[in-house]
Amino acid sequence: MFYFGWEFPLLDALQKIHNPFLDRLVVGITALGNGGLLWIAAGIAMLFFKKYRRCGFTVLLALLFSLLVGNILLKNLVARSRPCWIRTDVPLLIGNPKDFSFPSGHSQASFAAALSIFLNHRKLGIAALVLAALIAFSRLYLYVHFPTDVLAGIVIGCLLALAAYLIIKRVRPATAAADR
């Protein structure tokens, strides 16, 4: 199994800050990223408002790229075990994931969507990026991803958001200041 020597000590340190309040809060935060459903719903909702339509298309394209690149290609290609599969003595607060660990799908989809929003609407995007960062952190707190899984998910998600933004910008150029 491949992991860096600093990854388990960092994950173990996070286990020391667990408390009932944080546990409930972090489980709730991670649930927001499950299946990318929150981000998909946000993207679809944006399609109904002219001001946000281009942003909605960007979010949905970035999420499609995330699904294809992260969940279908990279997870199966790298086939990295999760930390909770290696150290089974750490109690999990959520169900034990069945898919591989690299990259973090929650982190990748969250940053793909959040950066897509930011590139189109800065103020709304800042809130989305904060939520994406909390979702990414939750995966470490819950012991289901290595830090490098999360970092890779963030980087790949951002690259996919940028690609989606450039494609949508070319295919659907802004027609008014309201589209920006």
Protein backbone atom coordinates (compact mmCIF):
# COMPACT_ATOMS: atom_id res chain seq x y z
CA MET A 1 0.00 0.00 0.00
CA PHE A 2 1.33 3.40 -0.96
CA TYR A 3 1.08 6.35 1.39
CA PHE A 4 3.46 8.97 2.72
CA GLY A 5 4.89 8.58 6.22
CA TRP A 6 3.25 11.79 7.47
CA GLU A 7 -0.28 10.85 6.44
CA PHE A 8 -1.26 8.45 9.22
CA PRO A 9 0.17 10.71 11.96
CA LEU A 10 -1.93 13.60 10.61
CA LEU A 11 -5.07 11.46 10.44
CA ASP A 12 -4.37 10.11 13.94
CA ALA A 13 -3.93 13.65 15.28
CA LEU A 14 -7.35 14.55 13.91
CA GLN A 15 -8.83 11.61 15.80
CA LYS A 16 -7.73 13.30 19.04
CA ILE A 17 -9.99 16.33 18.46
CA HIS A 18 -13.17 14.27 18.13
CA ASN A 19 -16.05 15.21 20.40
CA PRO A 20 -19.82 14.61 20.11
CA PHE A 21 -20.56 18.09 18.72
CA LEU A 22 -17.82 17.99 16.08
CA ASP A 23 -18.67 14.42 15.18
CA ARG A 24 -22.30 15.34 14.38
CA LEU A 25 -21.27 18.52 12.59
CA VAL A 26 -18.65 16.84 10.40
CA VAL A 27 -20.92 13.91 9.53
CA GLY A 28 -23.50 16.47 8.38
CA ILE A 29 -20.92 18.41 6.37
CA THR A 30 -19.63 15.30 4.63
CA ALA A 31 -23.21 14.27 3.80
CA LEU A 32 -23.56 17.51 1.83
CA GLY A 33 -20.95 16.12 -0.57
CA ASN A 34 -22.47 12.65 -0.95
CA GLY A 35 -22.81 11.82 -4.63
CA GLY A 36 -22.27 15.47 -5.48
CA LEU A 37 -26.04 15.84 -5.07
CA LEU A 38 -25.90 19.28 -3.45
CA TRP A 39 -23.68 20.57 -6.25
CA ILE A 40 -25.82 18.94 -8.94
CA ALA A 41 -28.94 20.51 -7.43
CA ALA A 42 -27.20 23.91 -7.30
CA GLY A 43 -26.14 23.59 -10.95
CA ILE A 44 -29.64 22.62 -12.07
CA ALA A 45 -31.24 25.40 -9.99
CA MET A 46 -28.95 27.95 -11.62
CA LEU A 47 -30.22 26.96 -15.05
CA PHE A 48 -33.62 28.48 -14.19
CA PHE A 49 -32.20 31.98 -13.69
CA LYS A 50 -30.75 33.92 -16.60
CA LYS A 51 -28.20 35.61 -14.34
CA TYR A 52 -26.82 32.22 -13.25
CA ARG A 53 -27.52 30.05 -16.31
CA ARG A 54 -23.98 30.03 -17.68
CA CYS A 55 -22.68 29.27 -14.20
CA GLY A 56 -25.11 26.35 -13.92
CA PHE A 57 -23.87 24.89 -17.20
CA THR A 58 -20.28 25.29 -16.00
CA VAL A 59 -21.00 23.56 -12.67
CA LEU A 60 -22.75 20.63 -14.35
CA LEU A 61 -20.03 20.18 -16.98
CA ALA A 62 -17.32 20.30 -14.29
CA LEU A 63 -19.22 17.68 -12.27
CA LEU A 64 -19.54 15.45 -15.34
CA PHE A 65 -15.78 15.76 -15.90
CA SER A 66 -15.25 14.96 -12.21
CA LEU A 67 -17.34 11.81 -12.44
CA LEU A 68 -15.51 10.60 -15.54
CA VAL A 69 -11.97 11.52 -14.50
CA GLY A 70 -12.09 10.86 -10.77
CA ASN A 71 -14.66 8.21 -10.03
CA ILE A 72 -14.55 6.18 -13.22
CA LEU A 73 -10.94 6.54 -14.38
CA LEU A 74 -8.54 7.46 -11.57
CA LYS A 75 -10.10 5.60 -8.62
CA ASN A 76 -10.04 2.33 -10.56
CA LEU A 77 -6.68 2.97 -12.21
CA VAL A 78 -4.85 3.85 -8.97
CA ALA A 79 -6.90 1.44 -6.79
CA ARG A 80 -5.59 2.93 -3.55
CA SER A 81 -6.89 1.47 -0.29
CA ARG A 82 -8.52 3.83 2.18
CA PRO A 83 -6.91 4.51 5.57
CA CYS A 84 -9.94 2.95 7.29
CA TRP A 85 -9.34 -0.27 5.33
CA ILE A 86 -5.75 -0.43 6.55
CA ARG A 87 -6.35 0.60 10.17
CA THR A 88 -9.61 -1.12 10.93
CA ASP A 89 -9.36 -0.35 14.66
CA VAL A 90 -10.37 3.30 14.09
CA PRO A 91 -14.14 3.60 14.67
CA LEU A 92 -15.96 5.12 11.72
CA LEU A 93 -18.77 7.64 12.13
CA ILE A 94 -20.12 6.91 8.64
CA GLY A 95 -20.49 3.75 6.59
CA ASN A 96 -17.26 2.23 5.35
CA PRO A 97 -16.90 3.36 1.71
CA LYS A 98 -16.71 0.59 -0.88
CA ASP A 99 -14.84 2.43 -3.65
CA PHE A 100 -11.13 3.23 -3.76
CA SER A 101 -9.58 6.24 -2.06
CA PHE A 102 -7.64 8.21 -4.70
CA PRO A 103 -8.67 10.89 -5.46
CA SER A 104 -11.26 12.01 -2.94
CA GLY A 105 -14.49 12.22 -4.90
CA HIS A 106 -16.10 14.49 -2.31
CA SER A 107 -13.18 16.93 -2.53
CA GLN A 108 -12.89 16.75 -6.29
CA ALA A 109 -16.61 17.27 -7.02
CA SER A 110 -16.90 19.99 -4.38
CA PHE A 111 -13.98 21.99 -5.74
CA ALA A 112 -15.02 21.40 -9.35
CA ALA A 113 -18.44 22.90 -8.57
CA ALA A 114 -17.27 25.60 -6.14
CA LEU A 115 -14.53 26.94 -8.40
CA SER A 116 -16.98 26.88 -11.32
CA ILE A 117 -19.27 29.09 -9.27
CA PHE A 118 -16.39 31.35 -8.23
CA LEU A 119 -15.21 31.83 -11.81
CA ASN A 120 -18.69 33.01 -12.78
CA HIS A 121 -19.86 34.80 -9.62
CA ARG A 122 -17.13 35.78 -7.17
CA LYS A 123 -19.22 36.50 -4.06
CA LEU A 124 -21.32 33.35 -4.33
CA GLY A 125 -18.17 31.43 -5.23
CA ILE A 126 -16.40 32.39 -2.01
CA ALA A 127 -19.18 30.78 0.04
CA ALA A 128 -19.07 27.71 -2.23
CA LEU A 129 -15.29 27.41 -1.82
CA VAL A 130 -15.60 27.59 1.98
CA LEU A 131 -18.18 24.81 1.89
CA ALA A 132 -15.97 22.77 -0.46
CA ALA A 133 -13.03 23.16 1.94
CA LEU A 134 -15.17 21.99 4.86
CA ILE A 135 -16.35 18.96 2.89
CA ALA A 136 -12.75 18.13 1.94
CA PHE A 137 -11.61 18.44 5.58
CA SER A 138 -14.47 16.21 6.70
CA ARG A 139 -13.01 13.32 4.71
CA LEU A 140 -9.82 13.48 6.79
CA TYR A 141 -11.64 13.89 10.10
CA LEU A 142 -13.74 10.83 9.27
CA TYR A 143 -10.63 8.74 8.46
CA VAL A 144 -11.86 7.73 5.00
CA HIS A 145 -9.19 9.49 2.90
CA PHE A 146 -5.49 10.14 3.06
CA PRO A 147 -4.45 13.80 2.93
CA THR A 148 -2.96 13.26 -0.52
CA ASP A 149 -6.31 11.90 -1.73
CA VAL A 150 -7.95 15.13 -0.62
CA LEU A 151 -5.19 17.35 -2.04
CA ALA A 152 -5.34 15.53 -5.36
CA GLY A 153 -9.12 15.84 -5.37
CA ILE A 154 -8.85 19.58 -4.80
CA VAL A 155 -6.26 20.10 -7.54
CA ILE A 156 -8.01 17.87 -10.08
CA GLY A 157 -11.39 19.41 -9.25
CA CYS A 158 -9.99 22.90 -9.80
CA LEU A 159 -8.42 21.91 -13.12
CA LEU A 160 -11.69 20.36 -14.27
CA ALA A 161 -13.59 23.49 -13.22
CA LEU A 162 -11.20 25.63 -15.23
CA ALA A 163 -11.59 23.36 -18.27
CA ALA A 164 -15.40 23.47 -17.97
CA TYR A 165 -15.34 27.25 -17.55
CA LEU A 166 -13.22 27.74 -20.67
CA ILE A 167 -15.41 25.38 -22.72
CA ILE A 168 -18.67 27.02 -21.59
CA LYS A 169 -17.20 30.49 -22.10
CA ARG A 170 -16.38 29.54 -25.68
CA VAL A 171 -19.67 27.76 -26.40
CA ARG A 172 -21.92 30.13 -24.47
CA PRO A 173 -20.28 33.56 -24.34
CA ALA A 174 -21.63 36.12 -21.91
CA THR A 175 -24.31 38.14 -23.65
CA ALA A 176 -24.83 40.68 -20.92
CA ALA A 177 -23.23 41.92 -17.75
CA ALA A 178 -25.84 39.88 -15.86
CA ASP A 179 -24.27 36.66 -17.19
CA ARG A 180 -21.08 37.49 -15.35
